């Protein structure tokens, strides 16, 4: 397994555990290197620190979830403003 394969495996671990506390030691074990070297390699490859990457990914996921809830709320309000006879036609579509 070469360096990029190990880094990809570590990235998969990070992505699947974003909703939890990410153990940097576990990530570095997946990449087969020390925590110090993993963080340095990660920063070199991605041009952003590991902690900043995790923070940004969590922020993006929260923002998407908030947008989906907002869209659902807008649709709920919109459907309530449609007359009942028209609402029945929408439900059949």
PDB file of N, CA and C in Angstrom:
ATOM      1  N   UNK A   1       0.851  -1.174   0.000  1.00  0.00           N
ATOM      2  CA  UNK A   1       0.000   0.000   0.000  1.00  0.00           C
ATOM      3  C   UNK A   1       0.901   1.241   0.000  1.00  0.00           C
ATOM      4  N   UNK A   2       0.708   2.119  -0.947  1.00  0.00           N
ATOM      5  CA  UNK A   2       1.563   3.295  -1.007  1.00  0.00           C
ATOM      6  C   UNK A   2       0.986   4.449  -0.192  1.00  0.00           C
ATOM      7  N   UNK A   3       1.698   5.528  -0.156  1.00  0.00           N
ATOM      8  CA  UNK A   3       1.349   6.677   0.671  1.00  0.00           C
ATOM      9  C   UNK A   3      -0.039   7.217   0.352  1.00  0.00           C
ATOM     10  N   UNK A   4      -0.351   7.384  -0.931  1.00  0.00           N
ATOM     11  CA  UNK A   4      -1.658   7.940  -1.289  1.00  0.00           C
ATOM     12  C   UNK A   4      -2.800   7.011  -0.906  1.00  0.00           C
ATOM     13  N   UNK A   5      -2.611   5.715  -1.020  1.00  0.00           N
ATOM     14  CA  UNK A   5      -3.643   4.773  -0.590  1.00  0.00           C
ATOM     15  C   UNK A   5      -3.889   4.880   0.917  1.00  0.00           C
ATOM     16  N   UNK A   6      -2.807   4.985   1.675  1.00  0.00           N
ATOM     17  CA  UNK A   6      -2.942   5.121   3.132  1.00  0.00           C
ATOM     18  C   UNK A   6      -3.611   6.451   3.488  1.00  0.00           C
ATOM     19  N   UNK A   7      -3.260   7.516   2.793  1.00  0.00           N
ATOM     20  CA  UNK A   7      -3.890   8.818   3.044  1.00  0.00           C
ATOM     21  C   UNK A   7      -5.376   8.776   2.684  1.00  0.00           C
ATOM     22  N   UNK A   8      -5.704   8.103   1.585  1.00  0.00           N
ATOM     23  CA  UNK A   8      -7.119   7.966   1.211  1.00  0.00           C
ATOM     24  C   UNK A   8      -7.895   7.171   2.254  1.00  0.00           C
ATOM     25  N   UNK A   9      -7.282   6.136   2.788  1.00  0.00           N
ATOM     26  CA  UNK A   9      -7.939   5.363   3.851  1.00  0.00           C
ATOM     27  C   UNK A   9      -8.160   6.229   5.090  1.00  0.00           C
ATOM     28  N   UNK A  10      -7.180   7.037   5.425  1.00  0.00           N
ATOM     29  CA  UNK A  10      -7.321   7.941   6.567  1.00  0.00           C
ATOM     30  C   UNK A  10      -8.421   8.968   6.310  1.00  0.00           C
ATOM     31  N   UNK A  11      -8.505   9.479   5.079  1.00  0.00           N
ATOM     32  CA  UNK A  11      -9.553  10.442   4.734  1.00  0.00           C
ATOM     33  C   UNK A  11     -10.938   9.805   4.825  1.00  0.00           C
ATOM     34  N   UNK A  12     -11.050   8.551   4.396  1.00  0.00           N
ATOM     35  CA  UNK A  12     -12.325   7.844   4.517  1.00  0.00           C
ATOM     36  C   UNK A  12     -12.737   7.724   5.982  1.00  0.00           C
ATOM     37  N   UNK A  13     -11.754   7.411   6.836  1.00  0.00           N
ATOM     38  CA  UNK A  13     -12.042   7.319   8.266  1.00  0.00           C
ATOM     39  C   UNK A  13     -12.535   8.670   8.795  1.00  0.00           C
ATOM     40  N   UNK A  14     -11.862   9.743   8.417  1.00  0.00           N
ATOM     41  CA  UNK A  14     -12.251  11.073   8.873  1.00  0.00           C
ATOM     42  C   UNK A  14     -13.665  11.398   8.412  1.00  0.00           C
ATOM     43  N   UNK A  15     -13.954  11.154   7.142  1.00  0.00           N
ATOM     44  CA  UNK A  15     -15.271  11.479   6.588  1.00  0.00           C
ATOM     45  C   UNK A  15     -16.388  10.680   7.259  1.00  0.00           C
ATOM     46  N   UNK A  16     -16.131   9.423   7.575  1.00  0.00           N
ATOM     47  CA  UNK A  16     -17.178   8.604   8.192  1.00  0.00           C
ATOM     48  C   UNK A  16     -17.354   8.899   9.680  1.00  0.00           C
ATOM     49  N   UNK A  17     -16.394   9.570  10.304  1.00  0.00           N
ATOM     50  CA  UNK A  17     -16.471   9.857  11.734  1.00  0.00           C
ATOM     51  C   UNK A  17     -16.583  11.353  12.022  1.00  0.00           C
ATOM     52  N   UNK A  18     -17.057  12.139  11.068  1.00  0.00           N
ATOM     53  CA  UNK A  18     -17.151  13.588  11.278  1.00  0.00           C
ATOM     54  C   UNK A  18     -18.118  13.960  12.396  1.00  0.00           C
ATOM     55  N   UNK A  19     -19.112  13.136  12.632  1.00  0.00           N
ATOM     56  CA  UNK A  19     -20.085  13.449  13.680  1.00  0.00           C
ATOM     57  C   UNK A  19     -19.594  13.052  15.070  1.00  0.00           C
ATOM     58  N   UNK A  20     -18.405  12.474  15.132  1.00  0.00           N
ATOM     59  CA  UNK A  20     -17.837  12.035  16.412  1.00  0.00           C
ATOM     60  C   UNK A  20     -16.530  12.790  16.676  1.00  0.00           C
ATOM     61  N   UNK A  21     -15.970  12.556  17.842  1.00  0.00           N
ATOM     62  CA  UNK A  21     -14.638  13.090  18.131  1.00  0.00           C
ATOM     63  C   UNK A  21     -13.636  12.230  17.365  1.00  0.00           C
ATOM     64  N   UNK A  22     -12.822  12.874  16.539  1.00  0.00           N
ATOM     65  CA  UNK A  22     -11.868  12.141  15.711  1.00  0.00           C
ATOM     66  C   UNK A  22     -10.560  12.003  16.469  1.00  0.00           C
ATOM     67  N   UNK A  23     -10.134  10.772  16.612  1.00  0.00           N
ATOM     68  CA  UNK A  23      -8.890  10.466  17.310  1.00  0.00           C
ATOM     69  C   UNK A  23      -7.739  10.548  16.309  1.00  0.00           C
ATOM     70  N   UNK A  24      -6.900  11.569  16.450  1.00  0.00           N
ATOM     71  CA  UNK A  24      -5.784  11.776  15.522  1.00  0.00           C
ATOM     72  C   UNK A  24      -4.818  10.595  15.545  1.00  0.00           C
ATOM     73  N   UNK A  25      -4.669   9.958  16.698  1.00  0.00           N
ATOM     74  CA  UNK A  25      -3.788   8.789  16.780  1.00  0.00           C
ATOM     75  C   UNK A  25      -4.317   7.642  15.929  1.00  0.00           C
ATOM     76  N   UNK A  26      -5.635   7.449  15.944  1.00  0.00           N
ATOM     77  CA  UNK A  26      -6.246   6.398  15.132  1.00  0.00           C
ATOM     78  C   UNK A  26      -6.068   6.704  13.645  1.00  0.00           C
ATOM     79  N   UNK A  27      -6.270   7.951  13.272  1.00  0.00           N
ATOM     80  CA  UNK A  27      -6.107   8.342  11.871  1.00  0.00           C
ATOM     81  C   UNK A  27      -4.667   8.105  11.419  1.00  0.00           C
ATOM     82  N   UNK A  28      -3.723   8.471  12.269  1.00  0.00           N
ATOM     83  CA  UNK A  28      -2.321   8.280  11.892  1.00  0.00           C
ATOM     84  C   UNK A  28      -1.951   6.795  11.832  1.00  0.00           C
ATOM     85  N   UNK A  29      -2.583   5.966  12.671  1.00  0.00           N
ATOM     86  CA  UNK A  29      -2.335   4.518  12.584  1.00  0.00           C
ATOM     87  C   UNK A  29      -2.841   3.972  11.247  1.00  0.00           C
ATOM     88  N   UNK A  30      -3.976   4.463  10.799  1.00  0.00           N
ATOM     89  CA  UNK A  30      -4.509   4.038   9.500  1.00  0.00           C
ATOM     90  C   UNK A  30      -3.541   4.424   8.388  1.00  0.00           C
ATOM     91  N   UNK A  31      -2.928   5.595   8.530  1.00  0.00           N
ATOM     92  CA  UNK A  31      -1.964   6.065   7.520  1.00  0.00           C
ATOM     93  C   UNK A  31      -0.570   5.466   7.731  1.00  0.00           C
ATOM     94  N   UNK A  32      -0.411   4.671   8.767  1.00  0.00           N
ATOM     95  CA  UNK A  32       0.872   3.991   9.061  1.00  0.00           C
ATOM     96  C   UNK A  32       2.013   4.977   9.296  1.00  0.00           C
ATOM     97  N   UNK A  33       1.760   5.980  10.105  1.00  0.00           N
ATOM     98  CA  UNK A  33       2.818   6.926  10.458  1.00  0.00           C
ATOM     99  C   UNK A  33       2.475   7.568  11.807  1.00  0.00           C
ATOM    100  N   UNK A  34       3.370   8.372  12.308  1.00  0.00           N
ATOM    101  CA  UNK A  34       3.109   9.049  13.587  1.00  0.00           C
ATOM    102  C   UNK A  34       2.096  10.173  13.370  1.00  0.00           C
ATOM    103  N   UNK A  35       1.480  10.595  14.467  1.00  0.00           N
ATOM    104  CA  UNK A  35       0.514  11.690  14.396  1.00  0.00           C
ATOM    105  C   UNK A  35       1.181  12.946  13.856  1.00  0.00           C
ATOM    106  N   UNK A  36       2.371  13.216  14.332  1.00  0.00           N
ATOM    107  CA  UNK A  36       3.115  14.394  13.882  1.00  0.00           C
ATOM    108  C   UNK A  36       3.326  14.359  12.368  1.00  0.00           C
ATOM    109  N   UNK A  37       3.810  13.239  11.850  1.00  0.00           N
ATOM    110  CA  UNK A  37       4.080  13.136  10.419  1.00  0.00           C
ATOM    111  C   UNK A  37       2.791  13.140   9.596  1.00  0.00           C
ATOM    112  N   UNK A  38       1.747  12.521  10.123  1.00  0.00           N
ATOM    113  CA  UNK A  38       0.478  12.534   9.390  1.00  0.00           C
ATOM    114  C   UNK A  38      -0.036  13.964   9.233  1.00  0.00           C
ATOM    115  N   UNK A  39       0.002  14.726  10.318  1.00  0.00           N
ATOM    116  CA  UNK A  39      -0.486  16.103  10.235  1.00  0.00           C
ATOM    117  C   UNK A  39       0.355  16.934   9.276  1.00  0.00           C
ATOM    118  N   UNK A  40       1.636  16.724   9.266  1.00  0.00           N
ATOM    119  CA  UNK A  40       2.522  17.448   8.334  1.00  0.00           C
ATOM    120  C   UNK A  40       2.239  17.047   6.889  1.00  0.00           C
ATOM    121  N   UNK A  41       2.100  15.730   6.654  1.00  0.00           N
ATOM    122  CA  UNK A  41       1.803  15.276   5.288  1.00  0.00           C
ATOM    123  C   UNK A  41       0.438  15.777   4.831  1.00  0.00           C
ATOM    124  N   UNK A  42      -0.534  15.726   5.728  1.00  0.00           N
ATOM    125  CA  UNK A  42      -1.874  16.185   5.392  1.00  0.00           C
ATOM    126  C   UNK A  42      -1.850  17.651   4.999  1.00  0.00           C
ATOM    127  N   UNK A  43      -1.171  18.463   5.784  1.00  0.00           N
ATOM    128  CA  UNK A  43      -1.074  19.896   5.478  1.00  0.00           C
ATOM    129  C   UNK A  43      -0.359  20.139   4.154  1.00  0.00           C
ATOM    130  N   UNK A  44       0.649  19.352   3.877  1.00  0.00           N
ATOM    131  CA  UNK A  44       1.399  19.502   2.629  1.00  0.00           C
ATOM    132  C   UNK A  44       0.534  19.133   1.421  1.00  0.00           C
ATOM    133  N   UNK A  45      -0.212  18.041   1.543  1.00  0.00           N
ATOM    134  CA  UNK A  45      -1.027  17.568   0.424  1.00  0.00           C
ATOM    135  C   UNK A  45      -2.255  18.448   0.196  1.00  0.00           C
ATOM    136  N   UNK A  46      -2.932  18.833   1.269  1.00  0.00           N
ATOM    137  CA  UNK A  46      -4.205  19.557   1.133  1.00  0.00           C
ATOM    138  C   UNK A  46      -4.069  21.064   1.234  1.00  0.00           C
ATOM    139  N   UNK A  47      -2.924  21.538   1.680  1.00  0.00           N
ATOM    140  CA  UNK A  47      -2.686  22.974   1.872  1.00  0.00           C
ATOM    141  C   UNK A  47      -3.580  23.568   2.968  1.00  0.00           C
ATOM    142  N   UNK A  48      -4.034  22.725   3.880  1.00  0.00           N
ATOM    143  CA  UNK A  48      -4.821  23.159   5.043  1.00  0.00           C
ATOM    144  C   UNK A  48      -4.526  22.180   6.180  1.00  0.00           C
ATOM    145  N   UNK A  49      -4.553  22.676   7.403  1.00  0.00           N
ATOM    146  CA  UNK A  49      -4.251  21.790   8.532  1.00  0.00           C
ATOM    147  C   UNK A  49      -5.382  20.781   8.743  1.00  0.00           C
ATOM    148  N   UNK A  50      -5.056  19.691   9.409  1.00  0.00           N
ATOM    149  CA  UNK A  50      -6.042  18.636   9.650  1.00  0.00           C
ATOM    150  C   UNK A  50      -7.210  19.163  10.482  1.00  0.00           C
ATOM    151  N   UNK A  51      -6.926  19.886  11.532  1.00  0.00           N
ATOM    152  CA  UNK A  51      -8.000  20.406  12.381  1.00  0.00           C
ATOM    153  C   UNK A  51      -8.882  21.397  11.625  1.00  0.00           C
ATOM    154  N   UNK A  52      -8.289  22.205  10.765  1.00  0.00           N
ATOM    155  CA  UNK A  52      -9.068  23.157   9.962  1.00  0.00           C
ATOM    156  C   UNK A  52      -9.935  22.419   8.945  1.00  0.00           C
ATOM    157  N   UNK A  53      -9.393  21.371   8.351  1.00  0.00           N
ATOM    158  CA  UNK A  53     -10.170  20.573   7.400  1.00  0.00           C
ATOM    159  C   UNK A  53     -11.396  19.967   8.085  1.00  0.00           C
ATOM    160  N   UNK A  54     -11.185  19.383   9.255  1.00  0.00           N
ATOM    161  CA  UNK A  54     -12.289  18.760   9.988  1.00  0.00           C
ATOM    162  C   UNK A  54     -13.321  19.816  10.378  1.00  0.00           C
ATOM    163  N   UNK A  55     -12.861  20.963  10.843  1.00  0.00           N
ATOM    164  CA  UNK A  55     -13.776  22.042  11.218  1.00  0.00           C
ATOM    165  C   UNK A  55     -14.618  22.495  10.018  1.00  0.00           C
ATOM    166  N   UNK A  56     -13.987  22.673   8.878  1.00  0.00           N
ATOM    167  CA  UNK A  56     -14.701  23.117   7.671  1.00  0.00           C
ATOM    168  C   UNK A  56     -15.702  22.072   7.195  1.00  0.00           C
ATOM    169  N   UNK A  57     -15.312  20.801   7.204  1.00  0.00           N
ATOM    170  CA  UNK A  57     -16.224  19.742   6.759  1.00  0.00           C
ATOM    171  C   UNK A  57     -17.447  19.653   7.672  1.00  0.00           C
ATOM    172  N   UNK A  58     -17.230  19.779   8.979  1.00  0.00           N
ATOM    173  CA  UNK A  58     -18.373  19.753   9.904  1.00  0.00           C
ATOM    174  C   UNK A  58     -19.279  20.944   9.678  1.00  0.00           C
ATOM    175  N   UNK A  59     -18.701  22.098   9.428  1.00  0.00           N
ATOM    176  CA  UNK A  59     -19.477  23.302   9.161  1.00  0.00           C
ATOM    177  C   UNK A  59     -20.302  23.144   7.890  1.00  0.00           C
ATOM    178  N   UNK A  60     -19.705  22.581   6.855  1.00  0.00           N
ATOM    179  CA  UNK A  60     -20.425  22.364   5.598  1.00  0.00           C
ATOM    180  C   UNK A  60     -21.592  21.402   5.806  1.00  0.00           C
ATOM    181  N   UNK A  61     -21.367  20.332   6.536  1.00  0.00           N
ATOM    182  CA  UNK A  61     -22.439  19.364   6.778  1.00  0.00           C
ATOM    183  C   UNK A  61     -23.582  19.985   7.574  1.00  0.00           C
ATOM    184  N   UNK A  62     -23.253  20.776   8.588  1.00  0.00           N
ATOM    185  CA  UNK A  62     -24.297  21.458   9.370  1.00  0.00           C
ATOM    186  C   UNK A  62     -25.061  22.453   8.511  1.00  0.00           C
ATOM    187  N   UNK A  63     -24.345  23.177   7.661  1.00  0.00           N
ATOM    188  CA  UNK A  63     -24.985  24.167   6.806  1.00  0.00           C
ATOM    189  C   UNK A  63     -25.941  23.501   5.833  1.00  0.00           C
ATOM    190  N   UNK A  64     -25.527  22.380   5.259  1.00  0.00           N
ATOM    191  CA  UNK A  64     -26.417  21.651   4.344  1.00  0.00           C
ATOM    192  C   UNK A  64     -27.667  21.186   5.066  1.00  0.00           C
ATOM    193  N   UNK A  65     -27.507  20.665   6.265  1.00  0.00           N
ATOM    194  CA  UNK A  65     -28.658  20.196   7.028  1.00  0.00           C
ATOM    195  C   UNK A  65     -29.592  21.361   7.342  1.00  0.00           C
ATOM    196  N   UNK A  66     -29.035  22.509   7.720  1.00  0.00           N
ATOM    197  CA  UNK A  66     -29.853  23.679   8.011  1.00  0.00           C
ATOM    198  C   UNK A  66     -30.602  24.141   6.767  1.00  0.00           C
ATOM    199  N   UNK A  67     -29.940  24.099   5.617  1.00  0.00           N
ATOM    200  CA  UNK A  67     -30.589  24.500   4.359  1.00  0.00           C
ATOM    201  C   UNK A  67     -31.737  23.560   4.023  1.00  0.00           C
ATOM    202  N   UNK A  68     -31.543  22.268   4.248  1.00  0.00           N
ATOM    203  CA  UNK A  68     -32.611  21.312   3.963  1.00  0.00           C
ATOM    204  C   UNK A  68     -33.819  21.552   4.861  1.00  0.00           C
ATOM    205  N   UNK A  69     -33.568  21.857   6.136  1.00  0.00           N
ATOM    206  CA  UNK A  69     -34.680  22.159   7.039  1.00  0.00           C
ATOM    207  C   UNK A  69     -35.390  23.436   6.614  1.00  0.00           C
ATOM    208  N   UNK A  70     -34.631  24.430   6.181  1.00  0.00           N
ATOM    209  CA  UNK A  70     -35.215  25.685   5.726  1.00  0.00           C
ATOM    210  C   UNK A  70     -36.076  25.460   4.487  1.00  0.00           C
ATOM    211  N   UNK A  71     -35.579  24.681   3.545  1.00  0.00           N
ATOM    212  CA  UNK A  71     -36.347  24.386   2.334  1.00  0.00           C
ATOM    213  C   UNK A  71     -37.628  23.646   2.693  1.00  0.00           C
ATOM    214  N   UNK A  72     -37.534  22.704   3.620  1.00  0.00           N
ATOM    215  CA  UNK A  72     -38.731  21.966   4.036  1.00  0.00           C
ATOM    216  C   UNK A  72     -39.740  22.900   4.679  1.00  0.00           C
ATOM    217  N   UNK A  73     -39.280  23.824   5.507  1.00  0.00           N
ATOM    218  CA  UNK A  73     -40.182  24.794   6.131  1.00  0.00           C
ATOM    219  C   UNK A  73     -40.856  25.672   5.084  1.00  0.00           C
ATOM    220  N   UNK A  74     -40.092  26.111   4.092  1.00  0.00           N
ATOM    221  CA  UNK A  74     -40.653  26.945   3.023  1.00  0.00           C
ATOM    222  C   UNK A  74     -41.709  26.167   2.247  1.00  0.00           C
ATOM    223  N   UNK A  75     -41.415  24.916   1.939  1.00  0.00           N
ATOM    224  CA  UNK A  75     -42.386  24.102   1.219  1.00  0.00           C
ATOM    225  C   UNK A  75     -43.643  23.865   2.048  1.00  0.00           C
ATOM    226  N   UNK A  76     -43.487  23.650   3.344  1.00  0.00           N
ATOM    227  CA  UNK A  76     -44.651  23.453   4.213  1.00  0.00           C
ATOM    228  C   UNK A  76     -45.542  24.687   4.213  1.00  0.00           C
ATOM    229  N   UNK A  77     -44.942  25.874   4.296  1.00  0.00           N
ATOM    230  CA  UNK A  77     -45.714  27.121   4.276  1.00  0.00           C
ATOM    231  C   UNK A  77     -46.378  27.295   2.922  1.00  0.00           C
ATOM    232  N   UNK A  78     -45.660  27.005   1.849  1.00  0.00           N
ATOM    233  CA  UNK A  78     -46.195  27.152   0.505  1.00  0.00           C
ATOM    234  C   UNK A  78     -47.401  26.242   0.295  1.00  0.00           C
ATOM    235  N   UNK A  79     -47.308  25.003   0.743  1.00  0.00           N
ATOM    236  CA  UNK A  79     -48.400  24.048   0.572  1.00  0.00           C
ATOM    237  C   UNK A  79     -49.622  24.503   1.360  1.00  0.00           C
ATOM    238  N   UNK A  80     -49.422  25.108   2.521  1.00  0.00           N
ATOM    239  CA  UNK A  80     -50.561  25.587   3.310  1.00  0.00           C
ATOM    240  C   UNK A  80     -51.283  26.739   2.629  1.00  0.00           C
ATOM    241  N   UNK A  81     -50.597  27.479   1.761  1.00  0.00           N
ATOM    242  CA  UNK A  81     -51.215  28.611   1.077  1.00  0.00           C
ATOM    243  C   UNK A  81     -51.950  28.204  -0.193  1.00  0.00           C
ATOM    244  N   UNK A  82     -51.798  26.972  -0.620  1.00  0.00           N
ATOM    245  CA  UNK A  82     -52.483  26.488  -1.814  1.00  0.00           C
ATOM    246  C   UNK A  82     -53.913  26.104  -1.427  1.00  0.00           C
ATOM    247  N   UNK A  83     -54.881  26.475  -2.243  1.00  0.00           N
ATOM    248  CA  UNK A  83     -56.275  26.094  -1.942  1.00  0.00           C
ATOM    249  C   UNK A  83     -56.417  24.561  -1.887  1.00  0.00           C
ATOM    250  N   UNK A  84     -57.338  24.079  -1.067  1.00  0.00           N
ATOM    251  CA  UNK A  84     -57.485  22.623  -0.878  1.00  0.00           C
ATOM    252  C   UNK A  84     -57.713  21.847  -2.178  1.00  0.00           C
ATOM    253  N   UNK A  85     -58.499  22.384  -3.118  1.00  0.00           N
ATOM    254  CA  UNK A  85     -58.752  21.647  -4.353  1.00  0.00           C
ATOM    255  C   UNK A  85     -57.468  21.504  -5.193  1.00  0.00           C
ATOM    256  N   UNK A  86     -56.602  22.482  -5.147  1.00  0.00           N
ATOM    257  CA  UNK A  86     -55.339  22.411  -5.875  1.00  0.00           C
ATOM    258  C   UNK A  86     -54.352  21.496  -5.142  1.00  0.00           C
ATOM    259  N   UNK A  87     -54.419  21.509  -3.813  1.00  0.00           N
ATOM    260  CA  UNK A  87     -53.537  20.664  -3.013  1.00  0.00           C
ATOM    261  C   UNK A  87     -53.771  19.185  -3.302  1.00  0.00           C
ATOM    262  N   UNK A  88     -55.048  18.824  -3.544  1.00  0.00           N
ATOM    263  CA  UNK A  88     -55.358  17.430  -3.865  1.00  0.00           C
ATOM    264  C   UNK A  88     -54.708  16.995  -5.166  1.00  0.00           C
ATOM    265  N   UNK A  89     -54.664  17.906  -6.149  1.00  0.00           N
ATOM    266  CA  UNK A  89     -54.013  17.584  -7.424  1.00  0.00           C
ATOM    267  C   UNK A  89     -52.512  17.408  -7.241  1.00  0.00           C
ATOM    268  N   UNK A  90     -51.879  18.197  -6.342  1.00  0.00           N
ATOM    269  CA  UNK A  90     -50.453  18.067  -6.089  1.00  0.00           C
ATOM    270  C   UNK A  90     -50.109  16.726  -5.447  1.00  0.00           C
ATOM    271  N   UNK A  91     -50.988  16.247  -4.588  1.00  0.00           N
ATOM    272  CA  UNK A  91     -50.717  14.988  -3.903  1.00  0.00           C
ATOM    273  C   UNK A  91     -50.762  13.806  -4.858  1.00  0.00           C
ATOM    274  N   UNK A  92     -51.540  13.910  -5.942  1.00  0.00           N
ATOM    275  CA  UNK A  92     -51.611  12.816  -6.891  1.00  0.00           C
ATOM    276  C   UNK A  92     -50.415  12.792  -7.831  1.00  0.00           C
ATOM    277  N   UNK A  93     -49.676  13.881  -7.930  1.00  0.00           N
ATOM    278  CA  UNK A  93     -48.526  13.957  -8.840  1.00  0.00           C
ATOM    279  C   UNK A  93     -47.342  13.288  -8.294  1.00  0.00           C
TER     280      UNK A  93
END
